[in-house]
Amino acid sequence: MKPVTGWRKSSRSSATQTCVEVGRTADGAAVRDSKDRTAGHLATTHRQWQTFLRALKADHFG
């Protein structure tokens, strides 16, 4: 497993239920639930992460 650094909480996370943190890996990003950090994380490549961010900005999940 590649190390994840620089975890930061999303500015869109609420204080009650939907809390997400994003960290960096050598070749991409990782996402975890900030209320249950021991549950692990989902890792992506740089390309996958950029595709996901473009889809969010285009409101494809709306």
PDB file of N, CA and C in Angstrom:
ATOM      1  N   MET A   1       0.841  -1.172   0.000  1.00  0.00           N
ATOM      2  CA  MET A   1       0.000   0.000   0.000  1.00  0.00           C
ATOM      3  C   MET A   1       0.894   1.247   0.000  1.00  0.00           C
ATOM      4  N   LYS A   2       0.572   2.189  -0.865  1.00  0.00           N
ATOM      5  CA  LYS A   2       1.353   3.414  -0.964  1.00  0.00           C
ATOM      6  C   LYS A   2       0.988   4.363   0.168  1.00  0.00           C
ATOM      7  N   PRO A   3       1.974   5.056   0.719  1.00  0.00           N
ATOM      8  CA  PRO A   3       1.674   5.982   1.811  1.00  0.00           C
ATOM      9  C   PRO A   3       0.838   7.176   1.328  1.00  0.00           C
ATOM     10  N   VAL A   4      -0.042   7.621   2.212  1.00  0.00           N
ATOM     11  CA  VAL A   4      -0.893   8.781   1.927  1.00  0.00           C
ATOM     12  C   VAL A   4      -0.463   9.902   2.861  1.00  0.00           C
ATOM     13  N   THR A   5      -0.291  11.099   2.309  1.00  0.00           N
ATOM     14  CA  THR A   5       0.139  12.249   3.095  1.00  0.00           C
ATOM     15  C   THR A   5      -0.816  13.417   2.896  1.00  0.00           C
ATOM     16  N   GLY A   6      -0.712  14.384   3.781  1.00  0.00           N
ATOM     17  CA  GLY A   6      -1.445  15.627   3.631  1.00  0.00           C
ATOM     18  C   GLY A   6      -2.951  15.512   3.691  1.00  0.00           C
ATOM     19  N   TRP A   7      -3.463  14.636   4.554  1.00  0.00           N
ATOM     20  CA  TRP A   7      -4.915  14.497   4.667  1.00  0.00           C
ATOM     21  C   TRP A   7      -5.534  15.851   5.009  1.00  0.00           C
ATOM     22  N   ARG A   8      -6.637  16.190   4.334  1.00  0.00           N
ATOM     23  CA  ARG A   8      -7.371  17.402   4.683  1.00  0.00           C
ATOM     24  C   ARG A   8      -8.856  17.162   4.509  1.00  0.00           C
ATOM     25  N   LYS A   9      -9.627  17.766   5.374  1.00  0.00           N
ATOM     26  CA  LYS A   9     -11.072  17.591   5.349  1.00  0.00           C
ATOM     27  C   LYS A   9     -11.683  18.458   4.263  1.00  0.00           C
ATOM     28  N   SER A  10     -12.633  17.909   3.560  1.00  0.00           N
ATOM     29  CA  SER A  10     -13.305  18.646   2.500  1.00  0.00           C
ATOM     30  C   SER A  10     -14.059  19.841   3.063  1.00  0.00           C
ATOM     31  N   SER A  11     -14.024  20.945   2.354  1.00  0.00           N
ATOM     32  CA  SER A  11     -14.773  22.139   2.780  1.00  0.00           C
ATOM     33  C   SER A  11     -16.271  21.906   2.649  1.00  0.00           C
ATOM     34  N   ARG A  12     -16.676  20.888   1.907  1.00  0.00           N
ATOM     35  CA  ARG A  12     -18.094  20.554   1.730  1.00  0.00           C
ATOM     36  C   ARG A  12     -18.602  19.576   2.781  1.00  0.00           C
ATOM     37  N   SER A  13     -17.737  19.081   3.637  1.00  0.00           N
ATOM     38  CA  SER A  13     -18.153  18.138   4.675  1.00  0.00           C
ATOM     39  C   SER A  13     -18.954  18.861   5.742  1.00  0.00           C
ATOM     40  N   SER A  14     -19.990  18.192   6.201  1.00  0.00           N
ATOM     41  CA  SER A  14     -20.793  18.768   7.281  1.00  0.00           C
ATOM     42  C   SER A  14     -20.270  18.275   8.620  1.00  0.00           C
ATOM     43  N   ALA A  15     -20.682  18.926   9.662  1.00  0.00           N
ATOM     44  CA  ALA A  15     -20.219  18.562  10.996  1.00  0.00           C
ATOM     45  C   ALA A  15     -20.959  17.353  11.563  1.00  0.00           C
ATOM     46  N   THR A  16     -21.985  16.880  10.882  1.00  0.00           N
ATOM     47  CA  THR A  16     -22.789  15.819  11.455  1.00  0.00           C
ATOM     48  C   THR A  16     -22.628  14.459  10.784  1.00  0.00           C
ATOM     49  N   GLN A  17     -22.794  14.375   9.460  1.00  0.00           N
ATOM     50  CA  GLN A  17     -22.818  13.050   8.845  1.00  0.00           C
ATOM     51  C   GLN A  17     -21.856  12.861   7.686  1.00  0.00           C
ATOM     52  N   THR A  18     -21.762  13.777   6.785  1.00  0.00           N
ATOM     53  CA  THR A  18     -20.993  13.563   5.566  1.00  0.00           C
ATOM     54  C   THR A  18     -19.627  14.217   5.668  1.00  0.00           C
ATOM     55  N   CYS A  19     -18.670  13.492   6.193  1.00  0.00           N
ATOM     56  CA  CYS A  19     -17.321  14.022   6.392  1.00  0.00           C
ATOM     57  C   CYS A  19     -16.325  13.208   5.577  1.00  0.00           C
ATOM     58  N   VAL A  20     -15.628  13.886   4.686  1.00  0.00           N
ATOM     59  CA  VAL A  20     -14.688  13.231   3.794  1.00  0.00           C
ATOM     60  C   VAL A  20     -13.339  13.928   3.890  1.00  0.00           C
ATOM     61  N   GLU A  21     -12.276  13.133   3.853  1.00  0.00           N
ATOM     62  CA  GLU A  21     -10.922  13.678   3.819  1.00  0.00           C
ATOM     63  C   GLU A  21     -10.231  13.178   2.556  1.00  0.00           C
ATOM     64  N   VAL A  22      -9.369  14.022   2.006  1.00  0.00           N
ATOM     65  CA  VAL A  22      -8.608  13.676   0.811  1.00  0.00           C
ATOM     66  C   VAL A  22      -7.129  13.793   1.134  1.00  0.00           C
ATOM     67  N   GLY A  23      -6.359  12.820   0.688  1.00  0.00           N
ATOM     68  CA  GLY A  23      -4.911  12.842   0.876  1.00  0.00           C
ATOM     69  C   GLY A  23      -4.208  12.576  -0.438  1.00  0.00           C
ATOM     70  N   ARG A  24      -2.918  12.831  -0.456  1.00  0.00           N
ATOM     71  CA  ARG A  24      -2.119  12.631  -1.670  1.00  0.00           C
ATOM     72  C   ARG A  24      -1.334  11.327  -1.589  1.00  0.00           C
ATOM     73  N   THR A  25      -1.211  10.678  -2.751  1.00  0.00           N
ATOM     74  CA  THR A  25      -0.309   9.543  -2.892  1.00  0.00           C
ATOM     75  C   THR A  25       0.736   9.932  -3.929  1.00  0.00           C
ATOM     76  N   ALA A  26       1.704   9.085  -4.141  1.00  0.00           N
ATOM     77  CA  ALA A  26       2.767   9.393  -5.095  1.00  0.00           C
ATOM     78  C   ALA A  26       2.224   9.588  -6.509  1.00  0.00           C
ATOM     79  N   ASP A  27       1.151   8.882  -6.848  1.00  0.00           N
ATOM     80  CA  ASP A  27       0.618   8.993  -8.213  1.00  0.00           C
ATOM     81  C   ASP A  27      -0.870   9.314  -8.277  1.00  0.00           C
ATOM     82  N   GLY A  28      -1.436   9.898  -7.206  1.00  0.00           N
ATOM     83  CA  GLY A  28      -2.854  10.206  -7.245  1.00  0.00           C
ATOM     84  C   GLY A  28      -3.378  10.749  -5.931  1.00  0.00           C
ATOM     85  N   ALA A  29      -4.546  10.252  -5.552  1.00  0.00           N
ATOM     86  CA  ALA A  29      -5.212  10.743  -4.342  1.00  0.00           C
ATOM     87  C   ALA A  29      -5.880   9.586  -3.620  1.00  0.00           C
ATOM     88  N   ALA A  30      -6.244   9.849  -2.370  1.00  0.00           N
ATOM     89  CA  ALA A  30      -6.967   8.870  -1.560  1.00  0.00           C
ATOM     90  C   ALA A  30      -8.092   9.598  -0.829  1.00  0.00           C
ATOM     91  N   VAL A  31      -9.189   8.886  -0.590  1.00  0.00           N
ATOM     92  CA  VAL A  31     -10.357   9.454   0.085  1.00  0.00           C
ATOM     93  C   VAL A  31     -10.724   8.533   1.237  1.00  0.00           C
ATOM     94  N   ARG A  32     -11.096   9.138   2.374  1.00  0.00           N
ATOM     95  CA  ARG A  32     -11.536   8.333   3.521  1.00  0.00           C
ATOM     96  C   ARG A  32     -12.637   9.074   4.274  1.00  0.00           C
ATOM     97  N   ASP A  33     -13.349   8.321   5.087  1.00  0.00           N
ATOM     98  CA  ASP A  33     -14.383   8.864   5.964  1.00  0.00           C
ATOM     99  C   ASP A  33     -13.689   9.423   7.199  1.00  0.00           C
ATOM    100  N   SER A  34     -13.803  10.719   7.432  1.00  0.00           N
ATOM    101  CA  SER A  34     -13.087  11.319   8.557  1.00  0.00           C
ATOM    102  C   SER A  34     -13.670  10.914   9.910  1.00  0.00           C
ATOM    103  N   LYS A  35     -14.863  10.354   9.918  1.00  0.00           N
ATOM    104  CA  LYS A  35     -15.449   9.901  11.186  1.00  0.00           C
ATOM    105  C   LYS A  35     -15.055   8.462  11.513  1.00  0.00           C
ATOM    106  N   ASP A  36     -14.466   7.756  10.534  1.00  0.00           N
ATOM    107  CA  ASP A  36     -14.017   6.376  10.760  1.00  0.00           C
ATOM    108  C   ASP A  36     -12.724   6.148   9.991  1.00  0.00           C
ATOM    109  N   ARG A  37     -11.678   6.804  10.409  1.00  0.00           N
ATOM    110  CA  ARG A  37     -10.391   6.747   9.712  1.00  0.00           C
ATOM    111  C   ARG A  37      -9.781   5.350   9.700  1.00  0.00           C
ATOM    112  N   THR A  38     -10.130   4.520  10.658  1.00  0.00           N
ATOM    113  CA  THR A  38      -9.577   3.167  10.722  1.00  0.00           C
ATOM    114  C   THR A  38     -10.187   2.236   9.683  1.00  0.00           C
ATOM    115  N   ALA A  39     -11.243   2.664   9.013  1.00  0.00           N
ATOM    116  CA  ALA A  39     -11.908   1.823   8.009  1.00  0.00           C
ATOM    117  C   ALA A  39     -11.128   1.735   6.703  1.00  0.00           C
ATOM    118  N   GLY A  40     -10.071   2.521   6.580  1.00  0.00           N
ATOM    119  CA  GLY A  40      -9.273   2.484   5.367  1.00  0.00           C
ATOM    120  C   GLY A  40      -9.621   3.632   4.436  1.00  0.00           C
ATOM    121  N   HIS A  41      -9.120   3.529   3.209  1.00  0.00           N
ATOM    122  CA  HIS A  41      -9.351   4.598   2.241  1.00  0.00           C
ATOM    123  C   HIS A  41      -9.451   4.021   0.834  1.00  0.00           C
ATOM    124  N   LEU A  42      -9.979   4.821  -0.060  1.00  0.00           N
ATOM    125  CA  LEU A  42     -10.071   4.489  -1.468  1.00  0.00           C
ATOM    126  C   LEU A  42      -8.980   5.267  -2.194  1.00  0.00           C
ATOM    127  N   ALA A  43      -8.101   4.572  -2.902  1.00  0.00           N
ATOM    128  CA  ALA A  43      -7.008   5.231  -3.613  1.00  0.00           C
ATOM    129  C   ALA A  43      -7.286   5.272  -5.109  1.00  0.00           C
ATOM    130  N   THR A  44      -6.874   6.351  -5.755  1.00  0.00           N
ATOM    131  CA  THR A  44      -7.040   6.514  -7.197  1.00  0.00           C
ATOM    132  C   THR A  44      -5.719   6.950  -7.822  1.00  0.00           C
ATOM    133  N   THR A  45      -5.618   6.764  -9.124  1.00  0.00           N
ATOM    134  CA  THR A  45      -4.481   7.316  -9.852  1.00  0.00           C
ATOM    135  C   THR A  45      -4.749   8.798 -10.099  1.00  0.00           C
ATOM    136  N   HIS A  46      -3.735   9.504 -10.524  1.00  0.00           N
ATOM    137  CA  HIS A  46      -3.903  10.926 -10.836  1.00  0.00           C
ATOM    138  C   HIS A  46      -4.968  11.112 -11.922  1.00  0.00           C
ATOM    139  N   ARG A  47      -4.906  10.299 -12.940  1.00  0.00           N
ATOM    140  CA  ARG A  47      -5.881  10.409 -14.040  1.00  0.00           C
ATOM    141  C   ARG A  47      -7.305  10.139 -13.558  1.00  0.00           C
ATOM    142  N   GLN A  48      -7.490   9.113 -12.748  1.00  0.00           N
ATOM    143  CA  GLN A  48      -8.830   8.812 -12.216  1.00  0.00           C
ATOM    144  C   GLN A  48      -9.349   9.967 -11.368  1.00  0.00           C
ATOM    145  N   TRP A  49      -8.486  10.537 -10.542  1.00  0.00           N
ATOM    146  CA  TRP A  49      -8.886  11.632  -9.662  1.00  0.00           C
ATOM    147  C   TRP A  49      -9.290  12.855 -10.490  1.00  0.00           C
ATOM    148  N   GLN A  50      -8.508  13.190 -11.509  1.00  0.00           N
ATOM    149  CA  GLN A  50      -8.831  14.332 -12.361  1.00  0.00           C
ATOM    150  C   GLN A  50     -10.149  14.123 -13.098  1.00  0.00           C
ATOM    151  N   THR A  51     -10.397  12.911 -13.557  1.00  0.00           N
ATOM    152  CA  THR A  51     -11.669  12.592 -14.230  1.00  0.00           C
ATOM    153  C   THR A  51     -12.831  12.748 -13.263  1.00  0.00           C
ATOM    154  N   PHE A  52     -12.670  12.275 -12.043  1.00  0.00           N
ATOM    155  CA  PHE A  52     -13.700  12.413 -11.014  1.00  0.00           C
ATOM    156  C   PHE A  52     -13.986  13.885 -10.718  1.00  0.00           C
ATOM    157  N   LEU A  53     -12.938  14.685 -10.556  1.00  0.00           N
ATOM    158  CA  LEU A  53     -13.133  16.107 -10.265  1.00  0.00           C
ATOM    159  C   LEU A  53     -13.842  16.828 -11.413  1.00  0.00           C
ATOM    160  N   ARG A  54     -13.485  16.508 -12.647  1.00  0.00           N
ATOM    161  CA  ARG A  54     -14.172  17.119 -13.799  1.00  0.00           C
ATOM    162  C   ARG A  54     -15.652  16.747 -13.799  1.00  0.00           C
ATOM    163  N   ALA A  55     -15.964  15.496 -13.477  1.00  0.00           N
ATOM    164  CA  ALA A  55     -17.364  15.063 -13.436  1.00  0.00           C
ATOM    165  C   ALA A  55     -18.125  15.786 -12.327  1.00  0.00           C
ATOM    166  N   LEU A  56     -17.491  15.988 -11.178  1.00  0.00           N
ATOM    167  CA  LEU A  56     -18.136  16.742 -10.094  1.00  0.00           C
ATOM    168  C   LEU A  56     -18.436  18.171 -10.521  1.00  0.00           C
ATOM    169  N   LYS A  57     -17.441  18.826 -11.117  1.00  0.00           N
ATOM    170  CA  LYS A  57     -17.608  20.212 -11.545  1.00  0.00           C
ATOM    171  C   LYS A  57     -18.663  20.369 -12.624  1.00  0.00           C
ATOM    172  N   ALA A  58     -18.839  19.337 -13.442  1.00  0.00           N
ATOM    173  CA  ALA A  58     -19.854  19.356 -14.496  1.00  0.00           C
ATOM    174  C   ALA A  58     -21.212  18.899 -13.986  1.00  0.00           C
ATOM    175  N   ASP A  59     -21.309  18.602 -12.679  1.00  0.00           N
ATOM    176  CA  ASP A  59     -22.546  18.181 -12.024  1.00  0.00           C
ATOM    177  C   ASP A  59     -23.126  16.886 -12.602  1.00  0.00           C
ATOM    178  N   HIS A  60     -22.265  15.947 -12.933  1.00  0.00           N
ATOM    179  CA  HIS A  60     -22.720  14.657 -13.464  1.00  0.00           C
ATOM    180  C   HIS A  60     -23.353  13.771 -12.389  1.00  0.00           C
ATOM    181  N   PHE A  61     -23.207  14.127 -11.142  1.00  0.00           N
ATOM    182  CA  PHE A  61     -23.763  13.310 -10.062  1.00  0.00           C
ATOM    183  C   PHE A  61     -24.992  13.953  -9.441  1.00  0.00           C
ATOM    184  N   GLY A  62     -25.365  15.140  -9.934  1.00  0.00           N
ATOM    185  CA  GLY A  62     -26.439  15.961  -9.392  1.00  0.00           C
ATOM    186  C   GLY A  62     -27.697  15.271  -9.156  1.00  0.00           C
TER     187      GLY A  62
END
